[in-house]
Amino acid sequence: MKMIKVTFPDNRTEELPPETKGFQILDRFSVNPESIIAIRINNEICSLDLPITIRANLEPVTIQNSDGMNIYRRSLCFVLGTAASELFPEKNLVVGHSLGYGYYYTLGNNGKISEEDIAKLYERMKEIIRADEVITTEYIAYDEALELFDSKGSYSTSLILHTLSSPRVKINRCRNFKDISYAPLCYKTGILSVFELVPYQEGFLLRFPPTILVNKLSAFEDIPQLFSVYSTYKKWGKEIGVSFVGELNEKVNSKQIKEFIEITETLQTKKISEISDMILSREKVKVVLIAGPSSSGKTTTSKKLSMQLRVNGYEPRVIELDNYFVGREKTPRDKNGNFDYECLEALDIELLNQNLLDLFAGREIELPAYDFVKGIQYKSGKKLHLNEKSILILEGIHGLNDKLTPLIPSEKKFKLYLSALTQLNLDDHNRIPTRDNRLIRRIVRDSNFRGKNAADTIKMWPNVLAGERKHIFPYQDKADVMFNSALDYELGVLKVYAEPLLRMVKPTQKEFSEASRLLAFLNNFLPISSSYVPGQSIVREFIGGSDFKY
């Protein structure tokens, strides 16, 4: 019998019998075995029931890090699916968007789920978790998978199988419940002890702990405006017949994708026009503040909004907040000692507010500029003066924070928040995270315009997310309006650009686990030609070929 050599994080090596599974060696790691939810095999994150068949470097994946908590959340969703299939086999459970640290769900096609039924689901989930049930991973034949999901009435899952035609299909199983497997889950349910189900709107929220506080749920903070935007797009998706990835793929196969792209782009332009009309209706507004997370399409949106404002008789003027950085000697540092250009204190708030007040009073100003090489702010020589038709546009991560413009009266400000809220689901039980959509956008843009490879972008992404949680998300409910920058076809286009970049990340690199996860995710989409993408589309900000100059 040939033994398998494995190396642990502390460089210890061991010879294991072939087919040894991760859950059998949890005590070999120098962390609490009860906190291990998956295992990293040669930088690929795998379920604990996967056999180790090759020489491997092994690392534990715990619930104390983001990868582990993502598995925790997916596994909770799977346990909810198990409970719903046992209690309400005739009703369709559908996951929606995220809201705080939770996912919105509906059960059944008509009517509001009762609090009594939500309580039943919660108790059944607790029962499954207390029993420490096993979640297995296995492959079944393509025709067997179609038969399984057709018999269950799982239209969206069957559809994605029809359009992709994989010869074998990976599924997860718990008790008698089976569902398609898109990413690793926990091996045993006992680790999923912290969660709650909360009635919300017509459905309910499955709430889970944040990554930094794994044993406790955070206080729920409702964002009604965000829910409203998502619900509007979800309703539109149903009306046009594209709510799931399989339906998008059918548009590609039936050669209707060009028309679908035109419709989605027209809808988005209409929404921007409506925002322009809202600004027009508020006569005292003199500055539009645009904020949103990374790769939400802020730059293109500001340019498209400028065009619509011109239609309404305005003369938009853009102020670049990057030119208002304080000198490097005044720039705060982060916990690692690096200059923190994302914090509010890195900006010259006093100068910005004085410039705005002068402009609104009819005075001419000289705009500042910033030399990133020397780390100094200097006078640019560029003058700016506003007339009665002028309106300013400021784009930046702190746009919704009133501490950026404390001297400017609220009636003079219009706050616009952007997010890429795709309404598409993979299927009924599996959503598309907003951050995945944005990360893929960023990988493509960084390669095209910033000379970065996919591994570089993936490596810095956790820091980007941390900055968003600190500087952007706490202020999103302060927006006058929220704009959804996602386009339902875009992942089919981005796939063509992103896949070659992601394949360049090697198994010896730490970022391989995320690259392989994104590749598996993109594999669900059929490719879409960029030739159909209009020159003024937000997608062009990332793939290139835009009519706008950036």
Foldseek 3Di string as FASTA:
>chain_A
DAWAWEAEPVRDIDTHRFQQFQLVCLVVDPDDSLFFFFKQWLLATAERNGTDHHHTYIYTDGLLDDVNVVQLVLQLLVLLVVLCCVPPLPWFKFWFADAAQWIWIAIHDDFFDDPVVQVSSVVSSQVQLVVQWFKDKDKDALVVVLVVCVVSVFVLQNLLCVLQVDGIFMWIDTDHDIDGDLGHHGGTNNSNNDWGWADDDRTIIIGAPDSNCRPDHDDGDGQVQVVVVLVVVLVVCVVVVFAAQSSQSVCVVVVNNLVLLVVLVVVQLVVLLVVLVVVVVLLQAFEEFEAEAFQLLRVLSVVSNCVSNVVVVAHEDEDEQQLFFAAPVQFDADPVRHGDCLDLSRGPLVVVQVCVVCQVVFHKDFGWGADPVRRHIGTPRDIDHDDSRYHYYYYDNQRLPCSSHVPDDPSRYAYEYGFARASYANGRSGRDHSVLVSLLLVQLQCVVPVVDFSLVSLVCVVVSVVSCVVRHVVRPSSHPHYRHQHGNNLLLASLVRRLVRLVVDDSNDSCVNVSVSSNSVSSSHHHDHCVSPDQSRSSCSRNPNHPDDD
